[in-house]
Protein backbone atom coordinates (compact mmCIF):
# COMPACT_ATOMS: atom_id res chain seq x y z
CA MET A 1 -4.15 12.92 -7.92
CA GLU A 2 -3.46 14.06 -4.39
CA LYS A 3 0.07 13.81 -3.04
CA LEU A 4 0.57 10.39 -1.50
CA LYS A 5 2.40 10.29 1.79
CA LEU A 6 3.94 7.33 3.56
CA THR A 7 5.93 7.26 6.75
CA GLN A 8 9.08 5.18 6.95
CA GLU A 9 7.23 2.73 9.18
CA GLU A 10 4.41 2.38 6.62
CA ILE A 11 6.95 1.77 3.86
CA GLU A 12 8.60 -0.93 5.96
CA ILE A 13 5.24 -2.61 6.56
CA ILE A 14 4.36 -2.54 2.84
CA GLU A 15 7.75 -3.90 1.86
CA TYR A 16 7.55 -6.63 4.51
CA VAL A 17 4.12 -7.75 3.33
CA ARG A 18 5.18 -7.56 -0.34
CA ASP A 19 8.47 -9.39 0.14
CA HIS A 20 7.00 -12.16 2.28
CA HIS A 21 3.75 -12.60 0.31
CA LEU A 22 1.84 -12.61 3.55
CA GLY A 23 -1.86 -12.99 3.95
CA PHE A 24 -3.96 -10.88 6.23
CA PRO A 25 -3.29 -9.98 8.98
CA PRO A 26 0.50 -10.24 8.87
CA PHE A 27 1.24 -8.72 12.27
CA VAL A 28 -0.78 -10.78 14.71
CA GLY A 29 0.42 -10.06 18.22
CA ASP A 30 1.94 -6.65 17.44
CA ALA A 31 -0.88 -4.21 18.16
CA HIS A 32 1.08 -1.17 17.02
CA LYS A 33 1.93 -2.62 13.60
CA GLU A 34 -1.56 -4.05 13.21
CA LYS A 35 -3.07 -0.61 13.80
CA ILE A 36 -0.76 0.98 11.21
CA PHE A 37 -1.40 -1.87 8.77
CA TYR A 38 -5.20 -1.59 8.92
CA LYS A 39 -5.16 2.21 8.64
CA LEU A 40 -2.87 1.87 5.65
CA VAL A 41 -5.14 -0.72 4.00
CA ASP A 42 -8.10 1.63 4.48
CA ARG A 43 -6.18 4.52 2.91
CA CYS A 44 -5.06 2.37 -0.03
CA ASP A 45 -8.57 1.05 -0.57
CA ALA A 46 -10.03 4.56 -0.47
CA LEU A 47 -7.63 5.73 -3.20
CA LEU A 48 -8.35 2.65 -5.30
CA HIS A 49 -12.07 3.46 -5.16
CA LYS A 50 -11.53 7.19 -5.70
CA LEU A 51 -9.47 6.56 -8.84
CA LYS A 52 -11.70 3.66 -9.90
CA ALA A 53 -8.48 1.78 -10.59
CA TYR A 54 -9.82 -1.73 -10.08
CA GLU A 55 -8.49 -2.93 -13.43
CA GLU A 56 -4.96 -1.77 -12.56
CA LEU A 57 -5.06 -3.96 -9.50
CA SER A 58 -6.45 -6.97 -11.35
CA GLU A 59 -3.90 -6.73 -14.18
CA VAL A 60 -1.08 -7.89 -11.92
CA PRO A 61 -1.52 -11.39 -10.49
CA LYS A 62 -1.28 -11.57 -6.70
CA MET A 63 -0.91 -7.80 -6.39
CA CYS A 64 -2.45 -6.54 -3.19
CA VAL A 65 -3.79 -3.06 -2.67
CA LEU A 66 -0.74 -2.20 -0.55
CA THR A 67 1.66 -2.97 -3.41
CA TRP A 68 -0.53 -1.04 -5.83
CA TYR A 69 -0.53 2.00 -3.53
CA TYR A 70 3.22 1.75 -2.98
CA ASN A 71 3.81 1.65 -6.74
CA LYS A 72 1.67 4.78 -7.10
CA TYR A 73 3.69 6.42 -4.33
CA LEU A 74 7.00 5.52 -6.01
CA GLU A 75 5.76 6.81 -9.39
CA GLN A 76 4.74 10.08 -7.78
CA GLN A 77 8.09 10.41 -5.98
CA ALA A 78 9.93 9.84 -9.26
CA GLN A 79 7.91 12.58 -10.95
CA LEU A 80 8.48 15.00 -8.07
CA ASN A 81 12.21 14.33 -8.04
CA GLY A 82 12.52 14.84 -11.76
C-alpha cells in the first residue's frame, strides 16, 4: 500500500467529524475547511476502491470512510515507527 499522508489540518478535520458524529457536510460556511474536507473524502474513497476494502468499512457500524482512512494511516504510522 502506498504511504498515506495527512496534514495536521486534515487530521483535525477527521477527528472533529469522528468525535462529533457529524453528517455531511460538517463545515457549512467555512469554505476553506469544506474544500479540505471534500478533497479528503475523495482521497479516502479512492483508496477504499483501490484496496477493494468495502467489507472493512461495513464491518464497523457507523464508520465513515474518513475514520477508516485515519485508522489505516495510524496503523501505517505505527509500523513505520516500529
